[in-house]
Amino acid sequence: EEIMKPILERSGLRAGQDFYLAHSPERVDPGNK
């Protein structure tokens, strides 16, 4: 919200009104069987 949202909204579109914005952190454990 502090870094990405302002950059995206330079397009003139608004998060939550014109496009959707989310964070879903990766949980990859390389080599986990």
All heavy atoms as atom14 arrays in JSON, in Angstrom:
{
  "sequence": "EEIMKPILERSGLRAGQDFYLAHSPERVDPGNK",
  "atom14_mask": [
    [1, 1, 1, 1, 1, 1, 1, 1, 1, 0, 0, 0, 0, 0],
    [1, 1, 1, 1, 1, 1, 1, 1, 1, 0, 0, 0, 0, 0],
    [1, 1, 1, 1, 1, 1, 1, 1, 0, 0, 0, 0, 0, 0],
    [1, 1, 1, 1, 1, 1, 1, 1, 0, 0, 0, 0, 0, 0],
    [1, 1, 1, 1, 1, 1, 1, 1, 1, 0, 0, 0, 0, 0],
    [1, 1, 1, 1, 1, 1, 1, 0, 0, 0, 0, 0, 0, 0],
    [1, 1, 1, 1, 1, 1, 1, 1, 0, 0, 0, 0, 0, 0],
    [1, 1, 1, 1, 1, 1, 1, 1, 0, 0, 0, 0, 0, 0],
    [1, 1, 1, 1, 1, 1, 1, 1, 1, 0, 0, 0, 0, 0],
    [1, 1, 1, 1, 1, 1, 1, 1, 1, 1, 1, 0, 0, 0],
    [1, 1, 1, 1, 1, 1, 0, 0, 0, 0, 0, 0, 0, 0],
    [1, 1, 1, 1, 0, 0, 0, 0, 0, 0, 0, 0, 0, 0],
    [1, 1, 1, 1, 1, 1, 1, 1, 0, 0, 0, 0, 0, 0],
    [1, 1, 1, 1, 1, 1, 1, 1, 1, 1, 1, 0, 0, 0],
    [1, 1, 1, 1, 1, 0, 0, 0, 0, 0, 0, 0, 0, 0],
    [1, 1, 1, 1, 0, 0, 0, 0, 0, 0, 0, 0, 0, 0],
    [1, 1, 1, 1, 1, 1, 1, 1, 1, 0, 0, 0, 0, 0],
    [1, 1, 1, 1, 1, 1, 1, 1, 0, 0, 0, 0, 0, 0],
    [1, 1, 1, 1, 1, 1, 1, 1, 1, 1, 1, 0, 0, 0],
    [1, 1, 1, 1, 1, 1, 1, 1, 1, 1, 1, 1, 0, 0],
    [1, 1, 1, 1, 1, 1, 1, 1, 0, 0, 0, 0, 0, 0],
    [1, 1, 1, 1, 1, 0, 0, 0, 0, 0, 0, 0, 0, 0],
    [1, 1, 1, 1, 1, 1, 1, 1, 1, 1, 0, 0, 0, 0],
    [1, 1, 1, 1, 1, 1, 0, 0, 0, 0, 0, 0, 0, 0],
    [1, 1, 1, 1, 1, 1, 1, 0, 0, 0, 0, 0, 0, 0],
    [1, 1, 1, 1, 1, 1, 1, 1, 1, 0, 0, 0, 0, 0],
    [1, 1, 1, 1, 1, 1, 1, 1, 1, 1, 1, 0, 0, 0],
    [1, 1, 1, 1, 1, 1, 1, 0, 0, 0, 0, 0, 0, 0],
    [1, 1, 1, 1, 1, 1, 1, 1, 0, 0, 0, 0, 0, 0],
    [1, 1, 1, 1, 1, 1, 1, 0, 0, 0, 0, 0, 0, 0],
    [1, 1, 1, 1, 0, 0, 0, 0, 0, 0, 0, 0, 0, 0],
    [1, 1, 1, 1, 1, 1, 1, 1, 0, 0, 0, 0, 0, 0],
    [1, 1, 1, 1, 1, 1, 1, 1, 1, 0, 0, 0, 0, 0]
  ],
  "atom14_positions": [
    [[0.81, -1.22, 0.0], [0.0, 0.0, 0.0], [0.85, 1.27, 0.0], [0.41, 2.31, -0.51], [-0.95, -0.02, 1.19], [-1.97, -1.16, 1.08], [-2.99, -1.16, 2.19], [-2.72, -0.52, 3.23], [-4.05, -1.8, 2.04], [0.0, 0.0, 0.0], [0.0, 0.0, 0.0], [0.0, 0.0, 0.0], [0.0, 0.0, 0.0], [0.0, 0.0, 0.0]],
    [[2.05, 1.21, 0.54], [2.88, 2.42, 0.61], [3.77, 2.61, -0.62], [4.09, 3.75, -0.99], [3.75, 2.37, 1.86], [2.97, 2.38, 3.17], [3.85, 2.09, 4.38], [5.1, 2.06, 4.22], [3.3, 1.86, 5.46], [0.0, 0.0, 0.0], [0.0, 0.0, 0.0], [0.0, 0.0, 0.0], [0.0, 0.0, 0.0], [0.0, 0.0, 0.0]],
    [[4.18, 1.53, -1.24], [5.06, 1.6, -2.4], [4.3, 1.31, -3.7], [4.31, 2.12, -4.64], [6.23, 0.6, -2.26], [7.03, 0.87, -0.97], [7.13, 0.68, -3.5], [7.7, 2.23, -0.94], [0.0, 0.0, 0.0], [0.0, 0.0, 0.0], [0.0, 0.0, 0.0], [0.0, 0.0, 0.0], [0.0, 0.0, 0.0], [0.0, 0.0, 0.0]],
    [[3.62, 0.18, -3.75], [2.98, -0.23, -5.0], [1.75, 0.6, -5.34], [1.58, 1.02, -6.48], [2.6, -1.72, -4.92], [3.78, -2.67, -4.93], [3.23, -4.38, -4.93], [2.29, -4.45, -6.46], [0.0, 0.0, 0.0], [0.0, 0.0, 0.0], [0.0, 0.0, 0.0], [0.0, 0.0, 0.0], [0.0, 0.0, 0.0], [0.0, 0.0, 0.0]],
    [[0.87, 0.81, -4.38], [-0.39, 1.49, -4.65], [-0.2, 2.88, -5.27], [-0.83, 3.19, -6.3], [-1.22, 1.58, -3.37], [-2.56, 2.29, -3.5], [-3.33, 2.19, -2.2], [-4.61, 3.03, -2.24], [-4.31, 4.48, -2.14], [0.0, 0.0, 0.0], [0.0, 0.0, 0.0], [0.0, 0.0, 0.0], [0.0, 0.0, 0.0], [0.0, 0.0, 0.0]],
    [[0.67, 3.74, -4.71], [0.85, 5.06, -5.34], [1.38, 4.98, -6.76], [0.99, 5.78, -7.62], [1.86, 5.75, -4.41], [1.72, 5.06, -3.1], [1.42, 3.64, -3.45], [0.0, 0.0, 0.0], [0.0, 0.0, 0.0], [0.0, 0.0, 0.0], [0.0, 0.0, 0.0], [0.0, 0.0, 0.0], [0.0, 0.0, 0.0], [0.0, 0.0, 0.0]],
    [[2.28, 4.03, -7.01], [2.81, 3.88, -8.38], [1.71, 3.44, -9.33], [1.56, 3.99, -10.43], [3.98, 2.86, -8.39], [5.16, 3.39, -7.58], [4.4, 2.57, -9.83], [6.29, 2.39, -7.44], [0.0, 0.0, 0.0], [0.0, 0.0, 0.0], [0.0, 0.0, 0.0], [0.0, 0.0, 0.0], [0.0, 0.0, 0.0], [0.0, 0.0, 0.0]],
    [[0.91, 2.46, -8.92], [-0.16, 1.97, -9.78], [-1.21, 3.06, -10.04], [-1.77, 3.15, -11.14], [-0.82, 0.74, -9.14], [0.05, -0.51, -9.05], [-0.63, -1.57, -8.19], [0.34, -1.08, -10.43], [0.0, 0.0, 0.0], [0.0, 0.0, 0.0], [0.0, 0.0, 0.0], [0.0, 0.0, 0.0], [0.0, 0.0, 0.0], [0.0, 0.0, 0.0]],
    [[-1.46, 3.89, -9.04], [-2.51, 4.91, -9.19], [-2.06, 6.1, -10.03], [-2.87, 6.97, -10.36], [-3.0, 5.35, -7.82], [-3.8, 4.25, -7.11], [-4.43, 4.7, -5.81], [-3.97, 5.72, -5.24], [-5.39, 4.03, -5.36], [0.0, 0.0, 0.0], [0.0, 0.0, 0.0], [0.0, 0.0, 0.0], [0.0, 0.0, 0.0], [0.0, 0.0, 0.0]],
    [[-0.77, 6.15, -10.41], [-0.34, 7.16, -11.38], [-1.03, 6.95, -12.73], [-1.07, 7.86, -13.56], [1.17, 7.09, -11.57], [1.99, 7.52, -10.36], [3.46, 7.32, -10.65], [4.27, 7.38, -9.45], [5.53, 6.96, -9.35], [6.11, 6.42, -10.42], [6.19, 7.04, -8.22], [0.0, 0.0, 0.0], [0.0, 0.0, 0.0], [0.0, 0.0, 0.0]],
    [[-1.56, 5.76, -12.93], [-2.27, 5.45, -14.17], [-3.6, 6.2, -14.25], [-4.22, 6.24, -15.32], [-2.54, 3.95, -14.24], [-3.43, 3.57, -13.19], [0.0, 0.0, 0.0], [0.0, 0.0, 0.0], [0.0, 0.0, 0.0], [0.0, 0.0, 0.0], [0.0, 0.0, 0.0], [0.0, 0.0, 0.0], [0.0, 0.0, 0.0], [0.0, 0.0, 0.0]],
    [[-4.03, 6.78, -13.14], [-5.34, 7.41, -13.08], [-6.42, 6.49, -12.56], [-7.53, 6.93, -12.25], [0.0, 0.0, 0.0], [0.0, 0.0, 0.0], [0.0, 0.0, 0.0], [0.0, 0.0, 0.0], [0.0, 0.0, 0.0], [0.0, 0.0, 0.0], [0.0, 0.0, 0.0], [0.0, 0.0, 0.0], [0.0, 0.0, 0.0], [0.0, 0.0, 0.0]],
    [[-6.1, 5.21, -12.42], [-7.03, 4.24, -11.84], [-6.81, 4.16, -10.34], [-5.73, 4.46, -9.83], [-6.82, 2.86, -12.48], [-6.96, 2.81, -14.01], [-6.67, 1.4, -14.51], [-8.34, 3.27, -14.44], [0.0, 0.0, 0.0], [0.0, 0.0, 0.0], [0.0, 0.0, 0.0], [0.0, 0.0, 0.0], [0.0, 0.0, 0.0], [0.0, 0.0, 0.0]],
    [[-7.86, 3.76, -9.61], [-7.81, 3.73, -8.15], [-7.98, 2.31, -7.63], [-8.89, 1.58, -8.06], [-8.91, 4.63, -7.55], [-8.69, 6.11, -7.84], [-7.48, 6.63, -7.04], [-7.13, 8.0, -7.39], [-6.2, 8.37, -8.26], [-5.5, 7.43, -8.91], [-5.93, 9.63, -8.51], [0.0, 0.0, 0.0], [0.0, 0.0, 0.0], [0.0, 0.0, 0.0]],
    [[-7.08, 1.95, -6.69], [-7.17, 0.64, -6.05], [-8.48, 0.54, -5.28], [-8.86, 1.47, -4.57], [-6.0, 0.42, -5.11], [0.0, 0.0, 0.0], [0.0, 0.0, 0.0], [0.0, 0.0, 0.0], [0.0, 0.0, 0.0], [0.0, 0.0, 0.0], [0.0, 0.0, 0.0], [0.0, 0.0, 0.0], [0.0, 0.0, 0.0], [0.0, 0.0, 0.0]],
    [[-9.18, -0.58, -5.43], [-10.44, -0.76, -4.76], [-11.62, -0.18, -5.5], [-12.78, -0.47, -5.15], [0.0, 0.0, 0.0], [0.0, 0.0, 0.0], [0.0, 0.0, 0.0], [0.0, 0.0, 0.0], [0.0, 0.0, 0.0], [0.0, 0.0, 0.0], [0.0, 0.0, 0.0], [0.0, 0.0, 0.0], [0.0, 0.0, 0.0], [0.0, 0.0, 0.0]],
    [[-11.35, 0.62, -6.52], [-12.41, 1.17, -7.36], [-12.29, 0.67, -8.8], [-13.27, 0.23, -9.39], [-12.37, 2.7, -7.35], [-12.6, 3.33, -5.99], [-12.49, 4.84, -6.05], [-12.69, 5.44, -7.11], [-12.17, 5.47, -4.93], [0.0, 0.0, 0.0], [0.0, 0.0, 0.0], [0.0, 0.0, 0.0], [0.0, 0.0, 0.0], [0.0, 0.0, 0.0]],
    [[-11.08, 0.74, -9.33], [-10.86, 0.37, -10.73], [-10.05, -0.91, -10.89], [-10.12, -1.55, -11.94], [-10.13, 1.5, -11.45], [-10.87, 2.82, -11.33], [-12.05, 2.85, -11.69], [-10.28, 3.79, -10.85], [0.0, 0.0, 0.0], [0.0, 0.0, 0.0], [0.0, 0.0, 0.0], [0.0, 0.0, 0.0], [0.0, 0.0, 0.0], [0.0, 0.0, 0.0]],
    [[-9.25, -1.25, -9.91], [-8.49, -2.51, -9.97], [-8.36, -3.07, -8.56], [-8.56, -2.37, -7.57], [-7.1, -2.3, -10.61], [-6.17, -1.42, -9.82], [-5.29, -1.96, -8.89], [-6.16, -0.03, -10.01], [-4.42, -1.16, -8.16], [-5.3, 0.78, -9.29], [-4.44, 0.22, -8.36], [0.0, 0.0, 0.0], [0.0, 0.0, 0.0], [0.0, 0.0, 0.0]],
    [[-8.05, -4.35, -8.49], [-7.91, -5.05, -7.21], [-6.43, -5.14, -6.85], [-5.58, -5.34, -7.72], [-8.49, -6.46, -7.3], [-9.92, -6.51, -7.8], [-10.19, -6.86, -9.12], [-10.99, -6.22, -6.96], [-11.5, -6.93, -9.59], [-12.3, -6.28, -7.42], [-12.55, -6.63, -8.74], [-13.83, -6.68, -9.2], [0.0, 0.0, 0.0], [0.0, 0.0, 0.0]],
    [[-6.13, -5.05, -5.56], [-4.74, -5.07, -5.09], [-4.64, -5.95, -3.85], [-5.43, -5.8, -2.9], [-4.27, -3.65, -4.77], [-2.82, -3.49, -4.29], [-1.83, -3.97, -5.37], [-2.55, -2.03, -3.93], [0.0, 0.0, 0.0], [0.0, 0.0, 0.0], [0.0, 0.0, 0.0], [0.0, 0.0, 0.0], [0.0, 0.0, 0.0], [0.0, 0.0, 0.0]],
    [[-3.68, -6.87, -3.83], [-3.55, -7.81, -2.71], [-2.09, -8.18, -2.48], [-1.23, -7.96, -3.33], [-4.37, -9.07, -3.0], [0.0, 0.0, 0.0], [0.0, 0.0, 0.0], [0.0, 0.0, 0.0], [0.0, 0.0, 0.0], [0.0, 0.0, 0.0], [0.0, 0.0, 0.0], [0.0, 0.0, 0.0], [0.0, 0.0, 0.0], [0.0, 0.0, 0.0]],
    [[-1.87, -8.75, -1.31], [-0.56, -9.35, -1.0], [-0.81, -10.76, -0.49], [-1.64, -10.99, 0.39], [0.18, -8.56, 0.07], [1.55, -9.11, 0.36], [2.64, -8.86, -0.42], [1.98, -9.96, 1.33], [3.69, -9.5, 0.05], [3.32, -10.19, 1.11], [0.0, 0.0, 0.0], [0.0, 0.0, 0.0], [0.0, 0.0, 0.0], [0.0, 0.0, 0.0]],
    [[-0.08, -11.71, -1.07], [-0.17, -13.1, -0.64], [1.24, -13.68, -0.62], [1.76, -14.12, -1.65], [-1.06, -13.91, -1.59], [-1.19, -15.24, -1.14], [0.0, 0.0, 0.0], [0.0, 0.0, 0.0], [0.0, 0.0, 0.0], [0.0, 0.0, 0.0], [0.0, 0.0, 0.0], [0.0, 0.0, 0.0], [0.0, 0.0, 0.0], [0.0, 0.0, 0.0]],
    [[1.89, -13.66, 0.54], [3.32, -14.02, 0.59], [3.59, -15.46, 0.21], [2.85, -16.37, 0.58], [3.67, -13.76, 2.06], [2.38, -13.87, 2.8], [1.33, -13.36, 1.86], [0.0, 0.0, 0.0], [0.0, 0.0, 0.0], [0.0, 0.0, 0.0], [0.0, 0.0, 0.0], [0.0, 0.0, 0.0], [0.0, 0.0, 0.0], [0.0, 0.0, 0.0]],
    [[4.64, -15.64, -0.58], [5.06, -17.0, -0.95], [5.52, -17.76, 0.29], [6.06, -17.19, 1.24], [6.17, -16.94, -1.99], [7.43, -16.17, -1.56], [8.46, -17.02, -0.86], [8.24, -18.25, -0.72], [9.47, -16.46, -0.44], [0.0, 0.0, 0.0], [0.0, 0.0, 0.0], [0.0, 0.0, 0.0], [0.0, 0.0, 0.0], [0.0, 0.0, 0.0]],
    [[5.27, -19.07, 0.24], [5.73, -19.95, 1.32], [6.45, -21.15, 0.72], [6.17, -22.29, 1.07], [4.54, -20.43, 2.16], [4.06, -19.42, 3.21], [2.83, -19.94, 3.92], [2.61, -19.26, 5.19], [1.53, -19.43, 5.94], [0.59, -20.28, 5.55], [1.38, -18.79, 7.08], [0.0, 0.0, 0.0], [0.0, 0.0, 0.0], [0.0, 0.0, 0.0]],
    [[7.36, -20.89, -0.17], [8.08, -21.96, -0.85], [9.23, -22.45, 0.03], [10.01, -21.65, 0.55], [8.63, -21.46, -2.2], [9.53, -22.51, -2.83], [7.47, -21.13, -3.13], [0.0, 0.0, 0.0], [0.0, 0.0, 0.0], [0.0, 0.0, 0.0], [0.0, 0.0, 0.0], [0.0, 0.0, 0.0], [0.0, 0.0, 0.0], [0.0, 0.0, 0.0]],
    [[9.33, -23.75, 0.19], [10.44, -24.38, 0.9], [11.16, -25.28, -0.09], [10.78, -26.45, -0.25], [9.92, -25.19, 2.1], [11.05, -25.8, 2.92], [12.21, -25.36, 2.76], [10.77, -26.71, 3.72], [0.0, 0.0, 0.0], [0.0, 0.0, 0.0], [0.0, 0.0, 0.0], [0.0, 0.0, 0.0], [0.0, 0.0, 0.0], [0.0, 0.0, 0.0]],
    [[12.16, -24.77, -0.79], [12.81, -25.55, -1.86], [13.28, -26.92, -1.37], [13.9, -27.04, -0.3], [14.0, -24.66, -2.26], [13.55, -23.28, -1.94], [12.75, -23.42, -0.67], [0.0, 0.0, 0.0], [0.0, 0.0, 0.0], [0.0, 0.0, 0.0], [0.0, 0.0, 0.0], [0.0, 0.0, 0.0], [0.0, 0.0, 0.0], [0.0, 0.0, 0.0]],
    [[12.97, -27.93, -2.12], [13.4, -29.28, -1.79], [12.48, -30.03, -0.85], [12.7, -31.21, -0.59], [0.0, 0.0, 0.0], [0.0, 0.0, 0.0], [0.0, 0.0, 0.0], [0.0, 0.0, 0.0], [0.0, 0.0, 0.0], [0.0, 0.0, 0.0], [0.0, 0.0, 0.0], [0.0, 0.0, 0.0], [0.0, 0.0, 0.0], [0.0, 0.0, 0.0]],
    [[11.44, -29.37, -0.33], [10.51, -30.04, 0.58], [9.67, -31.05, -0.19], [8.96, -30.69, -1.13], [9.62, -29.0, 1.26], [8.86, -29.56, 2.46], [8.28, -30.65, 2.39], [8.87, -28.83, 3.55], [0.0, 0.0, 0.0], [0.0, 0.0, 0.0], [0.0, 0.0, 0.0], [0.0, 0.0, 0.0], [0.0, 0.0, 0.0], [0.0, 0.0, 0.0]],
    [[9.74, -32.32, 0.21], [9.05, -33.38, -0.5], [7.59, -33.51, -0.06], [6.78, -34.17, -0.73], [9.76, -34.72, -0.3], [11.22, -34.72, -0.73], [11.39, -34.34, -2.19], [12.85, -34.39, -2.62], [13.04, -33.91, -4.01], [0.0, 0.0, 0.0], [0.0, 0.0, 0.0], [0.0, 0.0, 0.0], [0.0, 0.0, 0.0], [0.0, 0.0, 0.0]]
  ]
}
